[in-house]
Amino acid sequence: MSMTMTTLGHGDFAAEIRGIQLDHTLDDDTFSTIQDAIDRYAVLVFRDQRLTDEQQVAFSERFGPLEIPLAFDQYAGVHPKVTRLSNVGDDNQVMLPDSHHATYLKGNQLWHTDSSFKPAPAKYSILHGREVPPEGGNTEFADCRAAWDDWTASSD
């Protein structure tokens, strides 16, 4: 099966790429196509990927050096370059809603831009949903490029 790309929604905000598995080494031409796509679209969706931490890190490092997670975001058995966002603790139990870590994670439920506050902000965020609920749990994205274009066009 060859790689296909389909625009999602309206405009050039998001696209879905099918026909490749990110757990395999991608040849340079395929990776270049992905790189061009992420420069065109703000969001790329690769469905049905079953990546180990090592495979996700290998794919992610092709885009450049990775940000090292805070010690607070690291879990036993998780690659040190992967930030795990979960309401399940190292003991494999759902965290109590008022626990320190669960309270910390609530900040991710608010609109934010990953690492925008850091001296060298992240160029991309690569998310991999390993256990997602059958309903809800959606990650939403906002097209700040379109907002900027609309704002500058209206301010002329």
N, C-alpha and C. Protein backbone atom coordinates (compact mmCIF):
# COMPACT_ATOMS: atom_id res chain seq x y z
N MET A 1 0.85 -1.18 0.00
CA MET A 1 0.00 0.00 0.00
C MET A 1 0.89 1.23 0.00
N SER A 2 0.58 2.19 -0.84
CA SER A 2 1.38 3.40 -0.90
C SER A 2 0.77 4.49 -0.02
N MET A 3 1.58 5.46 0.33
CA MET A 3 1.15 6.54 1.20
C MET A 3 0.14 7.42 0.49
N THR A 4 -0.95 7.76 1.20
CA THR A 4 -1.94 8.70 0.69
C THR A 4 -2.14 9.79 1.74
N MET A 5 -2.51 10.98 1.27
CA MET A 5 -2.77 12.10 2.16
C MET A 5 -4.11 12.71 1.80
N THR A 6 -4.96 12.90 2.81
CA THR A 6 -6.29 13.46 2.61
C THR A 6 -6.47 14.64 3.54
N THR A 7 -6.89 15.77 2.99
CA THR A 7 -7.17 16.94 3.82
C THR A 7 -8.37 16.66 4.70
N LEU A 8 -8.27 17.05 5.97
CA LEU A 8 -9.37 16.92 6.92
C LEU A 8 -10.00 18.29 7.13
N GLY A 9 -11.29 18.37 7.06
CA GLY A 9 -11.96 19.66 7.27
C GLY A 9 -11.75 20.60 6.11
N HIS A 10 -11.67 21.88 6.44
CA HIS A 10 -11.56 22.93 5.43
C HIS A 10 -10.15 23.51 5.42
N GLY A 11 -9.69 23.87 4.26
CA GLY A 11 -8.40 24.54 4.14
C GLY A 11 -7.22 23.61 4.35
N ASP A 12 -6.10 24.21 4.72
CA ASP A 12 -4.84 23.48 4.89
C ASP A 12 -4.46 23.35 6.36
N PHE A 13 -5.43 23.07 7.22
CA PHE A 13 -5.12 22.98 8.65
C PHE A 13 -4.72 21.58 9.08
N ALA A 14 -5.40 20.56 8.57
CA ALA A 14 -5.12 19.20 9.02
C ALA A 14 -5.23 18.22 7.85
N ALA A 15 -4.43 17.16 7.94
CA ALA A 15 -4.48 16.11 6.92
C ALA A 15 -4.24 14.77 7.60
N GLU A 16 -4.77 13.73 6.97
CA GLU A 16 -4.56 12.37 7.45
C GLU A 16 -3.66 11.65 6.45
N ILE A 17 -2.65 10.98 6.98
CA ILE A 17 -1.74 10.21 6.14
C ILE A 17 -1.97 8.73 6.44
N ARG A 18 -2.19 7.97 5.38
CA ARG A 18 -2.41 6.52 5.50
C ARG A 18 -1.41 5.79 4.61
N GLY A 19 -1.29 4.51 4.86
CA GLY A 19 -0.46 3.67 3.99
C GLY A 19 0.98 3.53 4.43
N ILE A 20 1.32 4.07 5.59
CA ILE A 20 2.67 3.89 6.12
C ILE A 20 2.57 3.51 7.59
N GLN A 21 3.59 2.85 8.06
CA GLN A 21 3.70 2.52 9.48
C GLN A 21 4.92 3.24 10.03
N LEU A 22 4.71 4.03 11.06
CA LEU A 22 5.80 4.81 11.63
C LEU A 22 6.74 3.97 12.48
N ASP A 23 6.38 2.70 12.73
CA ASP A 23 7.25 1.84 13.52
C ASP A 23 8.37 1.23 12.67
N HIS A 24 8.33 1.47 11.39
CA HIS A 24 9.38 1.00 10.49
C HIS A 24 10.27 2.18 10.12
N THR A 25 11.47 1.89 9.71
CA THR A 25 12.35 2.95 9.25
C THR A 25 11.79 3.50 7.94
N LEU A 26 11.54 4.80 7.93
CA LEU A 26 11.01 5.44 6.73
C LEU A 26 12.17 5.86 5.84
N ASP A 27 12.03 5.62 4.54
CA ASP A 27 13.08 6.07 3.63
C ASP A 27 13.05 7.60 3.58
N ASP A 28 14.13 8.19 3.08
CA ASP A 28 14.26 9.64 3.07
C ASP A 28 13.18 10.33 2.26
N ASP A 29 12.77 9.74 1.13
CA ASP A 29 11.72 10.36 0.31
C ASP A 29 10.39 10.41 1.06
N THR A 30 10.04 9.33 1.74
CA THR A 30 8.79 9.30 2.50
C THR A 30 8.85 10.31 3.64
N PHE A 31 9.98 10.34 4.35
CA PHE A 31 10.09 11.31 5.44
C PHE A 31 10.04 12.73 4.90
N SER A 32 10.65 12.99 3.77
CA SER A 32 10.61 14.32 3.16
C SER A 32 9.17 14.73 2.83
N THR A 33 8.38 13.78 2.36
CA THR A 33 6.96 14.06 2.08
C THR A 33 6.23 14.41 3.37
N ILE A 34 6.52 13.69 4.45
CA ILE A 34 5.92 14.01 5.74
C ILE A 34 6.36 15.39 6.21
N GLN A 35 7.64 15.70 6.07
CA GLN A 35 8.16 17.01 6.46
C GLN A 35 7.47 18.12 5.67
N ASP A 36 7.33 17.95 4.36
CA ASP A 36 6.62 18.94 3.54
C ASP A 36 5.17 19.08 3.99
N ALA A 37 4.54 17.96 4.34
CA ALA A 37 3.14 17.99 4.77
C ALA A 37 2.99 18.74 6.08
N ILE A 38 3.90 18.55 7.01
CA ILE A 38 3.77 19.25 8.29
C ILE A 38 4.08 20.73 8.15
N ASP A 39 4.84 21.10 7.13
CA ASP A 39 5.05 22.51 6.84
C ASP A 39 3.81 23.13 6.19
N ARG A 40 3.03 22.34 5.49
CA ARG A 40 1.81 22.83 4.84
C ARG A 40 0.62 22.82 5.81
N TYR A 41 0.46 21.70 6.50
CA TYR A 41 -0.66 21.53 7.43
C TYR A 41 -0.13 21.72 8.86
N ALA A 42 -0.96 22.18 9.73
CA ALA A 42 -0.55 22.33 11.13
C ALA A 42 -0.69 21.02 11.89
N VAL A 43 -1.59 20.16 11.45
CA VAL A 43 -1.86 18.90 12.15
C VAL A 43 -1.83 17.76 11.13
N LEU A 44 -1.07 16.71 11.45
CA LEU A 44 -1.08 15.49 10.66
C LEU A 44 -1.59 14.36 11.54
N VAL A 45 -2.45 13.52 10.98
CA VAL A 45 -3.02 12.39 11.70
C VAL A 45 -2.53 11.10 11.04
N PHE A 46 -1.96 10.23 11.85
CA PHE A 46 -1.53 8.89 11.42
C PHE A 46 -2.31 7.91 12.28
N ARG A 47 -3.35 7.33 11.75
CA ARG A 47 -4.20 6.43 12.54
C ARG A 47 -3.59 5.03 12.65
N ASP A 48 -4.04 4.34 13.69
CA ASP A 48 -3.71 2.91 13.88
C ASP A 48 -2.21 2.63 13.92
N GLN A 49 -1.48 3.48 14.60
CA GLN A 49 -0.04 3.26 14.79
C GLN A 49 0.17 2.64 16.16
N ARG A 50 0.94 1.62 16.24
CA ARG A 50 1.25 0.95 17.51
C ARG A 50 2.76 1.07 17.74
N LEU A 51 3.15 2.19 18.30
CA LEU A 51 4.58 2.47 18.46
C LEU A 51 5.05 2.17 19.87
N THR A 52 6.23 1.60 19.97
CA THR A 52 6.90 1.53 21.26
C THR A 52 7.49 2.91 21.54
N ASP A 53 7.91 3.13 22.77
CA ASP A 53 8.58 4.40 23.08
C ASP A 53 9.79 4.60 22.18
N GLU A 54 10.57 3.55 21.99
CA GLU A 54 11.79 3.66 21.18
C GLU A 54 11.46 4.03 19.73
N GLN A 55 10.40 3.46 19.19
CA GLN A 55 10.00 3.77 17.82
C GLN A 55 9.50 5.21 17.71
N GLN A 56 8.75 5.66 18.71
CA GLN A 56 8.27 7.05 18.67
C GLN A 56 9.44 8.02 18.78
N VAL A 57 10.40 7.72 19.64
CA VAL A 57 11.57 8.58 19.78
C VAL A 57 12.36 8.60 18.47
N ALA A 58 12.57 7.45 17.85
CA ALA A 58 13.32 7.38 16.59
C ALA A 58 12.64 8.21 15.51
N PHE A 59 11.31 8.10 15.39
CA PHE A 59 10.57 8.90 14.41
C PHE A 59 10.69 10.39 14.75
N SER A 60 10.48 10.72 16.01
CA SER A 60 10.49 12.12 16.44
C SER A 60 11.85 12.78 16.24
N GLU A 61 12.93 12.03 16.49
CA GLU A 61 14.27 12.60 16.36
C GLU A 61 14.63 12.93 14.92
N ARG A 62 13.89 12.42 13.97
CA ARG A 62 14.16 12.78 12.57
C ARG A 62 13.83 14.25 12.32
N PHE A 63 12.98 14.84 13.17
CA PHE A 63 12.62 16.26 13.03
C PHE A 63 13.63 17.16 13.74
N GLY A 64 14.48 16.59 14.59
CA GLY A 64 15.46 17.39 15.31
C GLY A 64 15.59 16.93 16.75
N PRO A 65 16.42 17.62 17.53
CA PRO A 65 16.62 17.25 18.93
C PRO A 65 15.31 17.33 19.71
N LEU A 66 15.15 16.42 20.66
CA LEU A 66 13.93 16.37 21.45
C LEU A 66 14.10 17.10 22.78
N GLU A 67 13.01 17.66 23.24
CA GLU A 67 12.96 18.28 24.56
C GLU A 67 12.92 17.15 25.60
N ILE A 68 13.71 17.27 26.62
CA ILE A 68 13.72 16.26 27.68
C ILE A 68 12.62 16.60 28.68
N PRO A 69 11.74 15.64 28.99
CA PRO A 69 10.65 15.91 29.92
C PRO A 69 11.16 16.26 31.32
N LEU A 70 10.34 17.01 32.04
CA LEU A 70 10.63 17.28 33.44
C LEU A 70 10.62 15.97 34.21
N ALA A 71 11.38 15.89 35.27
CA ALA A 71 11.41 14.67 36.08
C ALA A 71 10.02 14.31 36.57
N PHE A 72 9.19 15.33 36.83
CA PHE A 72 7.83 15.10 37.32
C PHE A 72 6.97 14.38 36.29
N ASP A 73 7.29 14.52 35.01
CA ASP A 73 6.52 13.90 33.93
C ASP A 73 7.07 12.54 33.53
N GLN A 74 8.08 12.04 34.22
CA GLN A 74 8.66 10.76 33.86
C GLN A 74 8.09 9.65 34.74
N TYR A 75 7.91 8.51 34.15
CA TYR A 75 7.34 7.35 34.84
C TYR A 75 8.29 6.17 34.69
N ALA A 76 8.19 5.25 35.63
CA ALA A 76 8.97 4.01 35.55
C ALA A 76 8.60 3.27 34.27
N GLY A 77 9.60 2.77 33.57
CA GLY A 77 9.35 1.98 32.37
C GLY A 77 9.04 2.79 31.13
N VAL A 78 9.08 4.12 31.22
CA VAL A 78 8.80 4.98 30.06
C VAL A 78 10.12 5.59 29.61
N HIS A 79 10.35 5.62 28.31
CA HIS A 79 11.58 6.17 27.74
C HIS A 79 11.82 7.57 28.30
N PRO A 80 13.05 7.92 28.67
CA PRO A 80 13.32 9.23 29.28
C PRO A 80 13.07 10.42 28.36
N LYS A 81 12.90 10.19 27.05
CA LYS A 81 12.60 11.29 26.13
C LYS A 81 11.11 11.38 25.81
N VAL A 82 10.29 10.61 26.50
CA VAL A 82 8.84 10.60 26.26
C VAL A 82 8.14 11.19 27.48
N THR A 83 7.26 12.15 27.26
CA THR A 83 6.41 12.67 28.32
C THR A 83 5.12 11.87 28.31
N ARG A 84 4.83 11.24 29.40
CA ARG A 84 3.60 10.45 29.49
C ARG A 84 2.56 11.27 30.24
N LEU A 85 1.44 11.52 29.59
CA LEU A 85 0.32 12.20 30.22
C LEU A 85 -0.75 11.17 30.48
N SER A 86 -0.98 10.86 31.74
CA SER A 86 -1.90 9.79 32.07
C SER A 86 -2.50 10.03 33.45
N ASN A 87 -3.71 9.55 33.63
CA ASN A 87 -4.32 9.60 34.95
C ASN A 87 -4.13 8.28 35.69
N VAL A 88 -3.24 7.44 35.17
CA VAL A 88 -2.91 6.16 35.80
C VAL A 88 -1.47 6.26 36.30
N GLY A 89 -1.26 5.95 37.56
CA GLY A 89 0.06 6.05 38.17
C GLY A 89 0.93 4.84 37.93
N ASP A 90 2.15 4.90 38.47
CA ASP A 90 3.08 3.77 38.36
C ASP A 90 2.52 2.49 38.97
N ASP A 91 1.57 2.64 39.90
CA ASP A 91 0.97 1.47 40.54
C ASP A 91 -0.16 0.87 39.72
N ASN A 92 -0.36 1.40 38.50
CA ASN A 92 -1.40 0.94 37.57
C ASN A 92 -2.82 1.21 38.08
N GLN A 93 -2.94 2.18 38.98
CA GLN A 93 -4.24 2.58 39.52
C GLN A 93 -4.57 3.99 39.05
N VAL A 94 -5.87 4.25 38.83
CA VAL A 94 -6.30 5.60 38.46
C VAL A 94 -5.99 6.52 39.64
N MET A 95 -5.38 7.67 39.33
CA MET A 95 -5.02 8.62 40.39
C MET A 95 -6.27 9.24 40.98
N LEU A 96 -6.22 9.54 42.26
CA LEU A 96 -7.32 10.26 42.89
C LEU A 96 -7.39 11.66 42.29
N PRO A 97 -8.59 12.18 42.03
CA PRO A 97 -8.72 13.49 41.38
C PRO A 97 -8.02 14.63 42.11
N ASP A 98 -7.87 14.53 43.44
CA ASP A 98 -7.23 15.61 44.18
C ASP A 98 -5.76 15.33 44.48
N SER A 99 -5.20 14.27 43.87
CA SER A 99 -3.77 14.00 44.07
C SER A 99 -2.95 15.10 43.42
N HIS A 100 -1.73 15.26 43.90
CA HIS A 100 -0.85 16.32 43.39
C HIS A 100 -0.65 16.19 41.88
N HIS A 101 -0.38 14.98 41.41
CA HIS A 101 -0.12 14.79 39.97
C HIS A 101 -1.38 15.01 39.13
N ALA A 102 -2.53 14.55 39.60
CA ALA A 102 -3.78 14.76 38.86
C ALA A 102 -4.09 16.25 38.77
N THR A 103 -3.84 16.99 39.84
CA THR A 103 -4.05 18.44 39.83
C THR A 103 -3.11 19.10 38.82
N TYR A 104 -1.86 18.67 38.80
CA TYR A 104 -0.88 19.18 37.84
C TYR A 104 -1.34 18.93 36.40
N LEU A 105 -1.86 17.74 36.14
CA LEU A 105 -2.29 17.38 34.78
C LEU A 105 -3.51 18.17 34.31
N LYS A 106 -4.30 18.71 35.23
CA LYS A 106 -5.49 19.47 34.84
C LYS A 106 -5.13 20.68 33.98
N GLY A 107 -3.92 21.20 34.14
CA GLY A 107 -3.48 22.32 33.31
C GLY A 107 -3.47 21.98 31.83
N ASN A 108 -3.28 20.71 31.50
CA ASN A 108 -3.29 20.29 30.09
C ASN A 108 -4.68 20.29 29.50
N GLN A 109 -5.70 20.42 30.33
CA GLN A 109 -7.07 20.46 29.83
C GLN A 109 -7.43 21.86 29.34
N LEU A 110 -6.61 22.84 29.66
CA LEU A 110 -6.85 24.22 29.23
C LEU A 110 -6.16 24.45 27.89
N TRP A 111 -6.62 25.47 27.16
CA TRP A 111 -5.94 25.81 25.90
C TRP A 111 -4.51 26.21 26.21
N HIS A 112 -3.59 25.63 25.48
CA HIS A 112 -2.19 25.97 25.66
C HIS A 112 -1.41 25.61 24.39
N THR A 113 -0.23 26.15 24.30
CA THR A 113 0.70 25.78 23.24
C THR A 113 1.88 25.10 23.92
N ASP A 114 2.17 23.88 23.53
CA ASP A 114 3.23 23.12 24.18
C ASP A 114 4.56 23.86 24.13
N SER A 115 5.17 24.04 25.28
CA SER A 115 6.54 24.56 25.43
C SER A 115 6.75 25.96 24.88
N SER A 116 5.69 26.72 24.66
CA SER A 116 5.84 28.06 24.10
C SER A 116 6.57 29.01 25.05
N PHE A 117 6.61 28.69 26.32
CA PHE A 117 7.21 29.54 27.34
C PHE A 117 8.71 29.28 27.51
N LYS A 118 9.25 28.32 26.82
CA LYS A 118 10.64 27.94 27.02
C LYS A 118 11.57 28.78 26.14
N PRO A 119 12.84 28.94 26.55
CA PRO A 119 13.78 29.73 25.75
C PRO A 119 13.88 29.24 24.30
N ALA A 120 13.83 27.92 24.10
CA ALA A 120 13.81 27.35 22.75
C ALA A 120 12.49 26.57 22.64
N PRO A 121 11.41 27.25 22.19
CA PRO A 121 10.11 26.57 22.13
C PRO A 121 10.13 25.40 21.15
N ALA A 122 9.29 24.43 21.44
CA ALA A 122 9.20 23.25 20.58
C ALA A 122 8.68 23.63 19.20
N LYS A 123 9.24 23.01 18.19
CA LYS A 123 8.77 23.24 16.82
C LYS A 123 7.52 22.42 16.54
N TYR A 124 7.47 21.20 17.06
CA TYR A 124 6.33 20.30 16.86
C TYR A 124 6.01 19.60 18.17
N SER A 125 4.79 19.11 18.27
CA SER A 125 4.39 18.18 19.32
C SER A 125 3.92 16.92 18.63
N ILE A 126 4.40 15.79 19.08
CA ILE A 126 4.00 14.51 18.49
C ILE A 126 3.27 13.72 19.57
N LEU A 127 1.98 13.54 19.36
CA LEU A 127 1.13 12.87 20.34
C LEU A 127 0.84 11.45 19.87
N HIS A 128 0.80 10.53 20.82
CA HIS A 128 0.49 9.14 20.51
C HIS A 128 -0.48 8.64 21.57
N GLY A 129 -1.75 8.50 21.19
CA GLY A 129 -2.76 8.00 22.12
C GLY A 129 -2.68 6.49 22.22
N ARG A 130 -2.29 5.99 23.37
CA ARG A 130 -2.15 4.54 23.54
C ARG A 130 -3.40 3.92 24.13
N GLU A 131 -3.99 4.58 25.08
CA GLU A 131 -5.25 4.12 25.65
C GLU A 131 -6.18 5.32 25.66
N VAL A 132 -7.16 5.29 24.80
CA VAL A 132 -8.10 6.41 24.73
C VAL A 132 -9.50 5.91 25.02
N PRO A 133 -10.31 6.73 25.68
CA PRO A 133 -11.67 6.30 25.99
C PRO A 133 -12.51 6.20 24.72
N PRO A 134 -13.56 5.37 24.74
CA PRO A 134 -14.41 5.24 23.56
C PRO A 134 -15.17 6.52 23.23
N GLU A 135 -15.37 7.37 24.23
CA GLU A 135 -16.04 8.66 24.02
C GLU A 135 -15.25 9.74 24.75
N GLY A 136 -15.30 10.96 24.22
CA GLY A 136 -14.60 12.06 24.87
C GLY A 136 -13.10 11.91 24.72
N GLY A 137 -12.38 12.62 25.54
CA GLY A 137 -10.92 12.52 25.51
C GLY A 137 -10.30 13.13 24.28
N ASN A 138 -11.05 13.95 23.55
CA ASN A 138 -10.54 14.53 22.31
C ASN A 138 -9.47 15.57 22.58
N THR A 139 -8.51 15.64 21.71
CA THR A 139 -7.53 16.72 21.70
C THR A 139 -7.97 17.69 20.62
N GLU A 140 -8.09 18.95 20.99
CA GLU A 140 -8.54 19.96 20.04
C GLU A 140 -7.35 20.82 19.63
N PHE A 141 -7.41 21.32 18.41
CA PHE A 141 -6.34 22.14 17.87
C PHE A 141 -6.95 23.43 17.32
N ALA A 142 -6.22 24.52 17.43
CA ALA A 142 -6.65 25.80 16.88
C ALA A 142 -5.64 26.23 15.83
N ASP A 143 -6.14 26.75 14.72
CA ASP A 143 -5.27 27.18 13.62
C ASP A 143 -4.86 28.63 13.84
N CYS A 144 -3.76 28.83 14.54
CA CYS A 144 -3.28 30.18 14.82
C CYS A 144 -2.77 30.87 13.56
N ARG A 145 -2.36 30.10 12.56
CA ARG A 145 -1.93 30.72 11.30
C ARG A 145 -3.10 31.41 10.63
N ALA A 146 -4.25 30.74 10.58
CA ALA A 146 -5.45 31.34 9.98
C ALA A 146 -5.93 32.52 10.80
N ALA A 147 -5.86 32.41 12.13
CA ALA A 147 -6.27 33.53 12.99
C ALA A 147 -5.39 34.74 12.72
N TRP A 148 -4.09 34.53 12.59
CA TRP A 148 -3.16 35.62 12.30
C TRP A 148 -3.47 36.23 10.93
N ASP A 149 -3.66 35.38 9.93
CA ASP A 149 -3.97 35.88 8.59
C ASP A 149 -5.25 36.70 8.59
N ASP A 150 -6.29 36.20 9.29
CA ASP A 150 -7.56 36.93 9.36
C ASP A 150 -7.38 38.26 10.09
N TRP A 151 -6.60 38.25 11.17
CA TRP A 151 -6.40 39.47 11.95
C TRP A 151 -5.64 40.51 11.14
N THR A 152 -4.54 40.10 10.48
CA THR A 152 -3.76 41.07 9.72
C THR A 152 -4.54 41.58 8.52
N ALA A 153 -5.35 40.72 7.90
CA ALA A 153 -6.17 41.17 6.77
C ALA A 153 -7.21 42.18 7.22
N SER A 154 -7.78 42.00 8.39
CA SER A 154 -8.82 42.91 8.86
C SER A 154 -8.24 44.20 9.43
N SER A 155 -6.95 44.22 9.73
CA SER A 155 -6.35 45.43 10.31
C SER A 155 -5.77 46.36 9.26
N ASP A 156 -5.81 45.96 7.99
CA ASP A 156 -5.29 46.81 6.91
C ASP A 156 -6.18 48.00 6.67
